[in-house]
Amino acid sequence: MKILLDECITKKLKTFLKNHEVYTVSDMRWNGLFNGKLMTKCVENSFDILLTIDKNILYQQTINKYNVTIVVFNARNSKVSSLIPFLPSFEKNVYSYGKGKLYTIELAE
């Protein structure tokens, strides 16, 4: 899978996604692009997934108009130690996610 880590996700997470082709917004030189423009760039550059912790993205965009999957980790912060617990669920489901849809991953309490 070709994955873009949103600006709000630490680049340190790349190390833990070794089975995928992972880029950061900085890698792509897309810093400062916001949701609509960023999602358009994702589609134009054949990204499969935009990975974020931005819980408001659902309310800011019409997700189904973009041919990219949005995955939101419902994390309290972007520290890599806070994001790692979301990875097992992400990896388990990554190949079943549909384009033009948003998925939120929650942690079991």
PDB file of N, CA and C in Angstrom:
ATOM      1  N   MET A   1       0.829  -1.183   0.000  1.00  0.00           N
ATOM      2  CA  MET A   1       0.000   0.000   0.000  1.00  0.00           C
ATOM      3  C   MET A   1       0.874   1.247   0.000  1.00  0.00           C
ATOM      4  N   LYS A   2       0.452   2.240  -0.713  1.00  0.00           N
ATOM      5  CA  LYS A   2       1.138   3.529  -0.736  1.00  0.00           C
ATOM      6  C   LYS A   2       0.388   4.448   0.234  1.00  0.00           C
ATOM      7  N   ILE A   3       1.087   4.839   1.302  1.00  0.00           N
ATOM      8  CA  ILE A   3       0.467   5.564   2.405  1.00  0.00           C
ATOM      9  C   ILE A   3       1.115   6.931   2.573  1.00  0.00           C
ATOM     10  N   LEU A   4       0.268   7.937   2.777  1.00  0.00           N
ATOM     11  CA  LEU A   4       0.748   9.271   3.109  1.00  0.00           C
ATOM     12  C   LEU A   4       0.420   9.549   4.569  1.00  0.00           C
ATOM     13  N   LEU A   5       1.445   9.926   5.344  1.00  0.00           N
ATOM     14  CA  LEU A   5       1.233  10.339   6.732  1.00  0.00           C
ATOM     15  C   LEU A   5       0.934  11.826   6.738  1.00  0.00           C
ATOM     16  N   ASP A   6      -0.221  12.184   7.259  1.00  0.00           N
ATOM     17  CA  ASP A   6      -0.631  13.580   7.356  1.00  0.00           C
ATOM     18  C   ASP A   6       0.352  14.346   8.238  1.00  0.00           C
ATOM     19  N   GLU A   7       0.353  15.671   8.127  1.00  0.00           N
ATOM     20  CA  GLU A   7       1.269  16.507   8.906  1.00  0.00           C
ATOM     21  C   GLU A   7       1.122  16.295  10.406  1.00  0.00           C
ATOM     22  N   CYS A   8      -0.058  15.916  10.849  1.00  0.00           N
ATOM     23  CA  CYS A   8      -0.297  15.747  12.284  1.00  0.00           C
ATOM     24  C   CYS A   8       0.199  14.401  12.816  1.00  0.00           C
ATOM     25  N   ILE A   9       0.749  13.568  11.949  1.00  0.00           N
ATOM     26  CA  ILE A   9       1.291  12.262  12.354  1.00  0.00           C
ATOM     27  C   ILE A   9       2.822  12.363  12.362  1.00  0.00           C
ATOM     28  N   THR A  10       3.439  11.900  13.425  1.00  0.00           N
ATOM     29  CA  THR A  10       4.894  11.931  13.495  1.00  0.00           C
ATOM     30  C   THR A  10       5.527  11.062  12.408  1.00  0.00           C
ATOM     31  N   LYS A  11       6.603  11.581  11.827  1.00  0.00           N
ATOM     32  CA  LYS A  11       7.305  10.826  10.775  1.00  0.00           C
ATOM     33  C   LYS A  11       7.942   9.555  11.331  1.00  0.00           C
ATOM     34  N   LYS A  12       8.091   9.472  12.641  1.00  0.00           N
ATOM     35  CA  LYS A  12       8.675   8.281  13.269  1.00  0.00           C
ATOM     36  C   LYS A  12       7.820   7.041  13.049  1.00  0.00           C
ATOM     37  N   LEU A  13       6.558   7.217  12.710  1.00  0.00           N
ATOM     38  CA  LEU A  13       5.676   6.071  12.478  1.00  0.00           C
ATOM     39  C   LEU A  13       6.089   5.289  11.231  1.00  0.00           C
ATOM     40  N   LYS A  14       6.783   5.937  10.299  1.00  0.00           N
ATOM     41  CA  LYS A  14       7.228   5.259   9.077  1.00  0.00           C
ATOM     42  C   LYS A  14       7.993   3.973   9.386  1.00  0.00           C
ATOM     43  N   THR A  15       8.818   4.024  10.420  1.00  0.00           N
ATOM     44  CA  THR A  15       9.638   2.872  10.819  1.00  0.00           C
ATOM     45  C   THR A  15       8.788   1.641  11.116  1.00  0.00           C
ATOM     46  N   PHE A  16       7.577   1.859  11.564  1.00  0.00           N
ATOM     47  CA  PHE A  16       6.711   0.756  11.979  1.00  0.00           C
ATOM     48  C   PHE A  16       5.767   0.290  10.878  1.00  0.00           C
ATOM     49  N   LEU A  17       5.876   0.870   9.705  1.00  0.00           N
ATOM     50  CA  LEU A  17       5.029   0.502   8.565  1.00  0.00           C
ATOM     51  C   LEU A  17       5.889  -0.033   7.432  1.00  0.00           C
ATOM     52  N   LYS A  18       6.802  -0.916   7.760  1.00  0.00           N
ATOM     53  CA  LYS A  18       7.800  -1.417   6.805  1.00  0.00           C
ATOM     54  C   LYS A  18       7.225  -2.194   5.634  1.00  0.00           C
ATOM     55  N   ASN A  19       6.027  -2.726   5.790  1.00  0.00           N
ATOM     56  CA  ASN A  19       5.427  -3.522   4.710  1.00  0.00           C
ATOM     57  C   ASN A  19       4.725  -2.666   3.666  1.00  0.00           C
ATOM     58  N   HIS A  20       4.871  -1.342   3.793  1.00  0.00           N
ATOM     59  CA  HIS A  20       4.175  -0.419   2.908  1.00  0.00           C
ATOM     60  C   HIS A  20       5.141   0.625   2.364  1.00  0.00           C
ATOM     61  N   GLU A  21       4.723   1.289   1.318  1.00  0.00           N
ATOM     62  CA  GLU A  21       5.461   2.418   0.756  1.00  0.00           C
ATOM     63  C   GLU A  21       4.894   3.669   1.446  1.00  0.00           C
ATOM     64  N   VAL A  22       5.675   4.246   2.353  1.00  0.00           N
ATOM     65  CA  VAL A  22       5.161   5.312   3.214  1.00  0.00           C
ATOM     66  C   VAL A  22       5.927   6.614   2.991  1.00  0.00           C
ATOM     67  N   TYR A  23       5.166   7.694   2.852  1.00  0.00           N
ATOM     68  CA  TYR A  23       5.722   9.029   2.685  1.00  0.00           C
ATOM     69  C   TYR A  23       5.065   9.961   3.694  1.00  0.00           C
ATOM     70  N   THR A  24       5.779  11.007   4.047  1.00  0.00           N
ATOM     71  CA  THR A  24       5.191  12.060   4.874  1.00  0.00           C
ATOM     72  C   THR A  24       4.824  13.230   3.967  1.00  0.00           C
ATOM     73  N   VAL A  25       4.008  14.116   4.500  1.00  0.00           N
ATOM     74  CA  VAL A  25       3.679  15.336   3.770  1.00  0.00           C
ATOM     75  C   VAL A  25       4.972  16.101   3.459  1.00  0.00           C
ATOM     76  N   SER A  26       5.900  16.112   4.403  1.00  0.00           N
ATOM     77  CA  SER A  26       7.191  16.785   4.179  1.00  0.00           C
ATOM     78  C   SER A  26       7.987  16.124   3.063  1.00  0.00           C
ATOM     79  N   ASP A  27       7.998  14.785   3.037  1.00  0.00           N
ATOM     80  CA  ASP A  27       8.704  14.079   1.959  1.00  0.00           C
ATOM     81  C   ASP A  27       8.203  14.543   0.587  1.00  0.00           C
ATOM     82  N   MET A  28       6.897  14.763   0.502  1.00  0.00           N
ATOM     83  CA  MET A  28       6.271  15.133  -0.764  1.00  0.00           C
ATOM     84  C   MET A  28       6.323  16.642  -1.019  1.00  0.00           C
ATOM     85  N   ARG A  29       6.799  17.391  -0.046  1.00  0.00           N
ATOM     86  CA  ARG A  29       6.855  18.858  -0.115  1.00  0.00           C
ATOM     87  C   ARG A  29       5.455  19.473  -0.239  1.00  0.00           C
ATOM     88  N   TRP A  30       4.530  18.891   0.523  1.00  0.00           N
ATOM     89  CA  TRP A  30       3.149  19.351   0.523  1.00  0.00           C
ATOM     90  C   TRP A  30       2.777  20.037   1.841  1.00  0.00           C
ATOM     91  N   ASN A  31       3.766  20.477   2.586  1.00  0.00           N
ATOM     92  CA  ASN A  31       3.496  21.152   3.852  1.00  0.00           C
ATOM     93  C   ASN A  31       2.549  22.323   3.616  1.00  0.00           C
ATOM     94  N   GLY A  32       1.606  22.485   4.518  1.00  0.00           N
ATOM     95  CA  GLY A  32       0.681  23.605   4.443  1.00  0.00           C
ATOM     96  C   GLY A  32      -0.532  23.374   3.566  1.00  0.00           C
ATOM     97  N   LEU A  33      -0.561  22.251   2.823  1.00  0.00           N
ATOM     98  CA  LEU A  33      -1.763  21.943   2.039  1.00  0.00           C
ATOM     99  C   LEU A  33      -2.812  21.395   2.993  1.00  0.00           C
ATOM    100  N   PHE A  34      -4.024  21.877   2.834  1.00  0.00           N
ATOM    101  CA  PHE A  34      -5.073  21.390   3.711  1.00  0.00           C
ATOM    102  C   PHE A  34      -5.981  20.441   2.970  1.00  0.00           C
ATOM    103  N   ASN A  35      -6.870  19.861   3.709  1.00  0.00           N
ATOM    104  CA  ASN A  35      -7.657  18.689   3.347  1.00  0.00           C
ATOM    105  C   ASN A  35      -7.995  18.521   1.870  1.00  0.00           C
ATOM    106  N   GLY A  36      -8.760  19.418   1.264  1.00  0.00           N
ATOM    107  CA  GLY A  36      -9.155  19.227  -0.131  1.00  0.00           C
ATOM    108  C   GLY A  36      -7.983  19.163  -1.077  1.00  0.00           C
ATOM    109  N   LYS A  37      -7.063  20.108  -0.964  1.00  0.00           N
ATOM    110  CA  LYS A  37      -5.888  20.112  -1.844  1.00  0.00           C
ATOM    111  C   LYS A  37      -4.988  18.920  -1.552  1.00  0.00           C
ATOM    112  N   LEU A  38      -4.845  18.580  -0.292  1.00  0.00           N
ATOM    113  CA  LEU A  38      -4.009  17.435   0.079  1.00  0.00           C
ATOM    114  C   LEU A  38      -4.613  16.141  -0.468  1.00  0.00           C
ATOM    115  N   MET A  39      -5.903  15.992  -0.348  1.00  0.00           N
ATOM    116  CA  MET A  39      -6.548  14.778  -0.848  1.00  0.00           C
ATOM    117  C   MET A  39      -6.466  14.699  -2.370  1.00  0.00           C
ATOM    118  N   THR A  40      -6.581  15.829  -3.039  1.00  0.00           N
ATOM    119  CA  THR A  40      -6.417  15.852  -4.500  1.00  0.00           C
ATOM    120  C   THR A  40      -5.007  15.408  -4.874  1.00  0.00           C
ATOM    121  N   LYS A  41      -4.006  15.894  -4.158  1.00  0.00           N
ATOM    122  CA  LYS A  41      -2.618  15.484  -4.413  1.00  0.00           C
ATOM    123  C   LYS A  41      -2.448  13.986  -4.174  1.00  0.00           C
ATOM    124  N   CYS A  42      -3.100  13.461  -3.155  1.00  0.00           N
ATOM    125  CA  CYS A  42      -3.029  12.017  -2.889  1.00  0.00           C
ATOM    126  C   CYS A  42      -3.531  11.223  -4.089  1.00  0.00           C
ATOM    127  N   VAL A  43      -4.659  11.638  -4.628  1.00  0.00           N
ATOM    128  CA  VAL A  43      -5.240  10.947  -5.778  1.00  0.00           C
ATOM    129  C   VAL A  43      -4.325  11.075  -6.988  1.00  0.00           C
ATOM    130  N   GLU A  44      -3.845  12.288  -7.263  1.00  0.00           N
ATOM    131  CA  GLU A  44      -2.975  12.530  -8.418  1.00  0.00           C
ATOM    132  C   GLU A  44      -1.676  11.738  -8.342  1.00  0.00           C
ATOM    133  N   ASN A  45      -1.237  11.397  -7.126  1.00  0.00           N
ATOM    134  CA  ASN A  45       0.023  10.691  -6.934  1.00  0.00           C
ATOM    135  C   ASN A  45      -0.179   9.238  -6.512  1.00  0.00           C
ATOM    136  N   SER A  46      -1.360   8.723  -6.744  1.00  0.00           N
ATOM    137  CA  SER A  46      -1.698   7.298  -6.556  1.00  0.00           C
ATOM    138  C   SER A  46      -1.491   6.783  -5.139  1.00  0.00           C
ATOM    139  N   PHE A  47      -1.769   7.617  -4.152  1.00  0.00           N
ATOM    140  CA  PHE A  47      -1.740   7.126  -2.777  1.00  0.00           C
ATOM    141  C   PHE A  47      -2.999   6.310  -2.531  1.00  0.00           C
ATOM    142  N   ASP A  48      -2.846   5.225  -1.777  1.00  0.00           N
ATOM    143  CA  ASP A  48      -3.984   4.393  -1.403  1.00  0.00           C
ATOM    144  C   ASP A  48      -4.653   4.916  -0.142  1.00  0.00           C
ATOM    145  N   ILE A  49      -3.821   5.394   0.804  1.00  0.00           N
ATOM    146  CA  ILE A  49      -4.318   5.766   2.132  1.00  0.00           C
ATOM    147  C   ILE A  49      -3.697   7.079   2.591  1.00  0.00           C
ATOM    148  N   LEU A  50      -4.541   7.933   3.155  1.00  0.00           N
ATOM    149  CA  LEU A  50      -4.085   9.095   3.913  1.00  0.00           C
ATOM    150  C   LEU A  50      -4.319   8.741   5.375  1.00  0.00           C
ATOM    151  N   LEU A  51      -3.238   8.661   6.130  1.00  0.00           N
ATOM    152  CA  LEU A  51      -3.309   8.290   7.545  1.00  0.00           C
ATOM    153  C   LEU A  51      -3.188   9.554   8.378  1.00  0.00           C
ATOM    154  N   THR A  52      -4.140   9.752   9.297  1.00  0.00           N
ATOM    155  CA  THR A  52      -4.200  10.989  10.059  1.00  0.00           C
ATOM    156  C   THR A  52      -4.704  10.732  11.475  1.00  0.00           C
ATOM    157  N   ILE A  53      -4.583  11.743  12.316  1.00  0.00           N
ATOM    158  CA  ILE A  53      -5.257  11.727  13.616  1.00  0.00           C
ATOM    159  C   ILE A  53      -6.262  12.880  13.674  1.00  0.00           C
ATOM    160  N   ASP A  54      -6.496  13.527  12.543  1.00  0.00           N
ATOM    161  CA  ASP A  54      -7.427  14.653  12.449  1.00  0.00           C
ATOM    162  C   ASP A  54      -8.864  14.129  12.453  1.00  0.00           C
ATOM    163  N   LYS A  55      -9.501  14.196  13.601  1.00  0.00           N
ATOM    164  CA  LYS A  55     -10.862  13.661  13.747  1.00  0.00           C
ATOM    165  C   LYS A  55     -11.908  14.526  13.049  1.00  0.00           C
ATOM    166  N   ASN A  56     -11.554  15.746  12.694  1.00  0.00           N
ATOM    167  CA  ASN A  56     -12.505  16.646  12.044  1.00  0.00           C
ATOM    168  C   ASN A  56     -12.556  16.489  10.533  1.00  0.00           C
ATOM    169  N   ILE A  57     -11.678  15.713   9.964  1.00  0.00           N
ATOM    170  CA  ILE A  57     -11.611  15.599   8.503  1.00  0.00           C
ATOM    171  C   ILE A  57     -12.941  15.138   7.901  1.00  0.00           C
ATOM    172  N   LEU A  58     -13.666  14.310   8.625  1.00  0.00           N
ATOM    173  CA  LEU A  58     -14.964  13.835   8.147  1.00  0.00           C
ATOM    174  C   LEU A  58     -15.924  14.999   7.928  1.00  0.00           C
ATOM    175  N   TYR A  59     -15.835  16.011   8.765  1.00  0.00           N
ATOM    176  CA  TYR A  59     -16.751  17.154   8.687  1.00  0.00           C
ATOM    177  C   TYR A  59     -16.244  18.250   7.760  1.00  0.00           C
ATOM    178  N   GLN A  60     -14.990  18.156   7.345  1.00  0.00           N
ATOM    179  CA  GLN A  60     -14.389  19.185   6.514  1.00  0.00           C
ATOM    180  C   GLN A  60     -14.406  18.842   5.030  1.00  0.00           C
ATOM    181  N   GLN A  61     -14.600  17.577   4.707  1.00  0.00           N
ATOM    182  CA  GLN A  61     -14.490  17.136   3.313  1.00  0.00           C
ATOM    183  C   GLN A  61     -15.625  16.192   2.931  1.00  0.00           C
ATOM    184  N   THR A  62     -15.892  16.132   1.636  1.00  0.00           N
ATOM    185  CA  THR A  62     -16.787  15.121   1.085  1.00  0.00           C
ATOM    186  C   THR A  62     -15.879  13.969   0.665  1.00  0.00           C
ATOM    187  N   ILE A  63     -15.684  13.052   1.575  1.00  0.00           N
ATOM    188  CA  ILE A  63     -14.694  11.976   1.416  1.00  0.00           C
ATOM    189  C   ILE A  63     -14.929  11.164   0.145  1.00  0.00           C
ATOM    190  N   ASN A  64     -16.174  10.846  -0.159  1.00  0.00           N
ATOM    191  CA  ASN A  64     -16.442   9.938  -1.278  1.00  0.00           C
ATOM    192  C   ASN A  64     -16.135  10.531  -2.641  1.00  0.00           C
ATOM    193  N   LYS A  65     -15.790  11.808  -2.706  1.00  0.00           N
ATOM    194  CA  LYS A  65     -15.440  12.381  -4.014  1.00  0.00           C
ATOM    195  C   LYS A  65     -13.966  12.179  -4.357  1.00  0.00           C
ATOM    196  N   TYR A  66     -13.200  11.622  -3.414  1.00  0.00           N
ATOM    197  CA  TYR A  66     -11.771  11.377  -3.625  1.00  0.00           C
ATOM    198  C   TYR A  66     -11.506   9.875  -3.677  1.00  0.00           C
ATOM    199  N   ASN A  67     -10.692   9.453  -4.623  1.00  0.00           N
ATOM    200  CA  ASN A  67     -10.354   8.044  -4.776  1.00  0.00           C
ATOM    201  C   ASN A  67      -9.149   7.689  -3.904  1.00  0.00           C
ATOM    202  N   VAL A  68      -9.330   7.904  -2.605  1.00  0.00           N
ATOM    203  CA  VAL A  68      -8.299   7.584  -1.625  1.00  0.00           C
ATOM    204  C   VAL A  68      -9.017   7.197  -0.337  1.00  0.00           C
ATOM    205  N   THR A  69      -8.405   6.346   0.433  1.00  0.00           N
ATOM    206  CA  THR A  69      -8.955   5.926   1.714  1.00  0.00           C
ATOM    207  C   THR A  69      -8.383   6.810   2.812  1.00  0.00           C
ATOM    208  N   ILE A  70      -9.230   7.253   3.715  1.00  0.00           N
ATOM    209  CA  ILE A  70      -8.790   8.034   4.865  1.00  0.00           C
ATOM    210  C   ILE A  70      -8.885   7.128   6.082  1.00  0.00           C
ATOM    211  N   VAL A  71      -7.780   7.007   6.815  1.00  0.00           N
ATOM    212  CA  VAL A  71      -7.779   6.238   8.058  1.00  0.00           C
ATOM    213  C   VAL A  71      -7.386   7.183   9.179  1.00  0.00           C
ATOM    214  N   VAL A  72      -8.261   7.250  10.186  1.00  0.00           N
ATOM    215  CA  VAL A  72      -8.044   8.117  11.338  1.00  0.00           C
ATOM    216  C   VAL A  72      -7.733   7.249  12.550  1.00  0.00           C
ATOM    217  N   PHE A  73      -6.568   7.478  13.139  1.00  0.00           N
ATOM    218  CA  PHE A  73      -6.264   6.862  14.430  1.00  0.00           C
ATOM    219  C   PHE A  73      -6.868   7.786  15.489  1.00  0.00           C
ATOM    220  N   ASN A  74      -7.777   7.295  16.305  1.00  0.00           N
ATOM    221  CA  ASN A  74      -8.407   8.110  17.336  1.00  0.00           C
ATOM    222  C   ASN A  74      -7.461   8.209  18.541  1.00  0.00           C
ATOM    223  N   ALA A  75      -6.356   8.901  18.312  1.00  0.00           N
ATOM    224  CA  ALA A  75      -5.295   9.027  19.313  1.00  0.00           C
ATOM    225  C   ALA A  75      -5.394  10.365  20.027  1.00  0.00           C
ATOM    226  N   ARG A  76      -4.882  10.403  21.243  1.00  0.00           N
ATOM    227  CA  ARG A  76      -4.875  11.638  22.031  1.00  0.00           C
ATOM    228  C   ARG A  76      -3.816  12.618  21.543  1.00  0.00           C
ATOM    229  N   ASN A  77      -2.730  12.076  20.983  1.00  0.00           N
ATOM    230  CA  ASN A  77      -1.636  12.922  20.499  1.00  0.00           C
ATOM    231  C   ASN A  77      -0.897  12.179  19.399  1.00  0.00           C
ATOM    232  N   SER A  78       0.129  12.818  18.840  1.00  0.00           N
ATOM    233  CA  SER A  78       0.840  12.212  17.705  1.00  0.00           C
ATOM    234  C   SER A  78       2.156  11.556  18.094  1.00  0.00           C
ATOM    235  N   LYS A  79       2.377  11.346  19.377  1.00  0.00           N
ATOM    236  CA  LYS A  79       3.605  10.661  19.794  1.00  0.00           C
ATOM    237  C   LYS A  79       3.583   9.242  19.249  1.00  0.00           C
ATOM    238  N   VAL A  80       4.727   8.789  18.794  1.00  0.00           N
ATOM    239  CA  VAL A  80       4.792   7.446  18.209  1.00  0.00           C
ATOM    240  C   VAL A  80       4.331   6.391  19.220  1.00  0.00           C
ATOM    241  N   SER A  81       4.626   6.583  20.489  1.00  0.00           N
ATOM    242  CA  SER A  81       4.194   5.628  21.516  1.00  0.00           C
ATOM    243  C   SER A  81       2.672   5.581  21.640  1.00  0.00           C
ATOM    244  N   SER A  82       2.007   6.667  21.296  1.00  0.00           N
ATOM    245  CA  SER A  82       0.537   6.697  21.317  1.00  0.00           C
ATOM    246  C   SER A  82      -0.067   6.072  20.066  1.00  0.00           C
ATOM    247  N   LEU A  83       0.681   6.078  18.965  1.00  0.00           N
ATOM    248  CA  LEU A  83       0.164   5.584  17.684  1.00  0.00           C
ATOM    249  C   LEU A  83       0.399   4.093  17.473  1.00  0.00           C
ATOM    250  N   ILE A  84       1.476   3.573  18.026  1.00  0.00           N
ATOM    251  CA  ILE A  84       1.819   2.153  17.823  1.00  0.00           C
ATOM    252  C   ILE A  84       0.671   1.205  18.206  1.00  0.00           C
ATOM    253  N   PRO A  85      -0.059   1.444  19.289  1.00  0.00           N
ATOM    254  CA  PRO A  85      -1.152   0.523  19.634  1.00  0.00           C
ATOM    255  C   PRO A  85      -2.258   0.418  18.572  1.00  0.00           C
ATOM    256  N   PHE A  86      -2.341   1.382  17.662  1.00  0.00           N
ATOM    257  CA  PHE A  86      -3.345   1.339  16.595  1.00  0.00           C
ATOM    258  C   PHE A  86      -2.914   0.452  15.426  1.00  0.00           C
ATOM    259  N   LEU A  87      -1.631   0.159  15.340  1.00  0.00           N
ATOM    260  CA  LEU A  87      -1.101  -0.539  14.168  1.00  0.00           C
ATOM    261  C   LEU A  87      -1.626  -1.958  13.975  1.00  0.00           C
ATOM    262  N   PRO A  88      -1.797  -2.770  15.019  1.00  0.00           N
ATOM    263  CA  PRO A  88      -2.326  -4.120  14.756  1.00  0.00           C
ATOM    264  C   PRO A  88      -3.688  -4.103  14.051  1.00  0.00           C
ATOM    265  N   SER A  89      -4.587  -3.245  14.492  1.00  0.00           N
ATOM    266  CA  SER A  89      -5.893  -3.153  13.840  1.00  0.00           C
ATOM    267  C   SER A  89      -5.763  -2.605  12.423  1.00  0.00           C
ATOM    268  N   PHE A  90      -4.904  -1.615  12.249  1.00  0.00           N
ATOM    269  CA  PHE A  90      -4.663  -1.052  10.921  1.00  0.00           C
ATOM    270  C   PHE A  90      -4.144  -2.128   9.971  1.00  0.00           C
ATOM    271  N   GLU A  91      -3.121  -2.854  10.383  1.00  0.00           N
ATOM    272  CA  GLU A  91      -2.527  -3.891   9.528  1.00  0.00           C
ATOM    273  C   GLU A  91      -3.517  -5.013   9.235  1.00  0.00           C
ATOM    274  N   LYS A  92      -4.336  -5.346  10.201  1.00  0.00           N
ATOM    275  CA  LYS A  92      -5.323  -6.418  10.020  1.00  0.00           C
ATOM    276  C   LYS A  92      -6.338  -6.059   8.928  1.00  0.00           C
ATOM    277  N   ASN A  93      -6.676  -4.777   8.843  1.00  0.00           N
ATOM    278  CA  ASN A  93      -7.747  -4.350   7.940  1.00  0.00           C
ATOM    279  C   ASN A  93      -7.292  -3.579   6.707  1.00  0.00           C
ATOM    280  N   VAL A  94      -6.017  -3.265   6.604  1.00  0.00           N
ATOM    281  CA  VAL A  94      -5.532  -2.343   5.571  1.00  0.00           C
ATOM    282  C   VAL A  94      -5.927  -2.749   4.148  1.00  0.00           C
ATOM    283  N   TYR A  95      -5.981  -4.028   3.858  1.00  0.00           N
ATOM    284  CA  TYR A  95      -6.287  -4.455   2.491  1.00  0.00           C
ATOM    285  C   TYR A  95      -7.791  -4.573   2.230  1.00  0.00           C
ATOM    286  N   SER A  96      -8.597  -4.338   3.252  1.00  0.00           N
ATOM    287  CA  SER A  96     -10.048  -4.397   3.058  1.00  0.00           C
ATOM    288  C   SER A  96     -10.690  -3.013   2.988  1.00  0.00           C
ATOM    289  N   TYR A  97      -9.908  -1.974   3.202  1.00  0.00           N
ATOM    290  CA  TYR A  97     -10.447  -0.613   3.170  1.00  0.00           C
ATOM    291  C   TYR A  97     -10.840  -0.221   1.751  1.00  0.00           C
ATOM    292  N   GLY A  98     -11.956   0.466   1.622  1.00  0.00           N
ATOM    293  CA  GLY A  98     -12.441   0.909   0.321  1.00  0.00           C
ATOM    294  C   GLY A  98     -12.051   2.350   0.036  1.00  0.00           C
ATOM    295  N   LYS A  99     -11.814   2.648  -1.225  1.00  0.00           N
ATOM    296  CA  LYS A  99     -11.475   4.017  -1.647  1.00  0.00           C
ATOM    297  C   LYS A  99     -12.708   4.905  -1.504  1.00  0.00           C
ATOM    298  N   GLY A 100     -12.462   6.170  -1.191  1.00  0.00           N
ATOM    299  CA  GLY A 100     -13.553   7.115  -1.028  1.00  0.00           C
ATOM    300  C   GLY A 100     -14.294   6.958   0.281  1.00  0.00           C
ATOM    301  N   LYS A 101     -13.657   6.281   1.228  1.00  0.00           N
ATOM    302  CA  LYS A 101     -14.283   6.049   2.530  1.00  0.00           C
ATOM    303  C   LYS A 101     -13.332   6.451   3.643  1.00  0.00           C
ATOM    304  N   LEU A 102     -13.911   6.708   4.813  1.00  0.00           N
ATOM    305  CA  LEU A 102     -13.136   7.048   5.996  1.00  0.00           C
ATOM    306  C   LEU A 102     -13.343   5.964   7.042  1.00  0.00           C
ATOM    307  N   TYR A 103     -12.248   5.556   7.649  1.00  0.00           N
ATOM    308  CA  TYR A 103     -12.271   4.548   8.711  1.00  0.00           C
ATOM    309  C   TYR A 103     -11.609   5.119   9.945  1.00  0.00           C
ATOM    310  N   THR A 104     -12.244   4.971  11.082  1.00  0.00           N
ATOM    311  CA  THR A 104     -11.646   5.410  12.340  1.00  0.00           C
ATOM    312  C   THR A 104     -11.269   4.193  13.143  1.00  0.00           C
ATOM    313  N   ILE A 105     -10.036   4.159  13.602  1.00  0.00           N
ATOM    314  CA  ILE A 105      -9.577   3.049  14.423  1.00  0.00           C
ATOM    315  C   ILE A 105      -9.571   3.510  15.870  1.00  0.00           C
ATOM    316  N   GLU A 106     -10.285   2.771  16.687  1.00  0.00           N
ATOM    317  CA  GLU A 106     -10.375   3.038  18.128  1.00  0.00           C
ATOM    318  C   GLU A 106      -9.547   1.987  18.857  1.00  0.00           C
ATOM    319  N   LEU A 107      -9.117   2.322  20.038  1.00  0.00           N
ATOM    320  CA  LEU A 107      -8.435   1.344  20.885  1.00  0.00           C
ATOM    321  C   LEU A 107      -9.451   0.741  21.831  1.00  0.00           C
ATOM    322  N   ALA A 108      -9.338  -0.569  22.051  1.00  0.00           N
ATOM    323  CA  ALA A 108     -10.199  -1.221  23.032  1.00  0.00           C
ATOM    324  C   ALA A 108      -9.770  -0.763  24.418  1.00  0.00           C
ATOM    325  N   GLU A 109     -10.737  -0.463  25.237  1.00  0.00           N
ATOM    326  CA  GLU A 109     -10.417   0.015  26.597  1.00  0.00           C
ATOM    327  C   GLU A 109     -10.167  -1.141  27.519  1.00  0.00           C
TER     328      GLU A 109
END
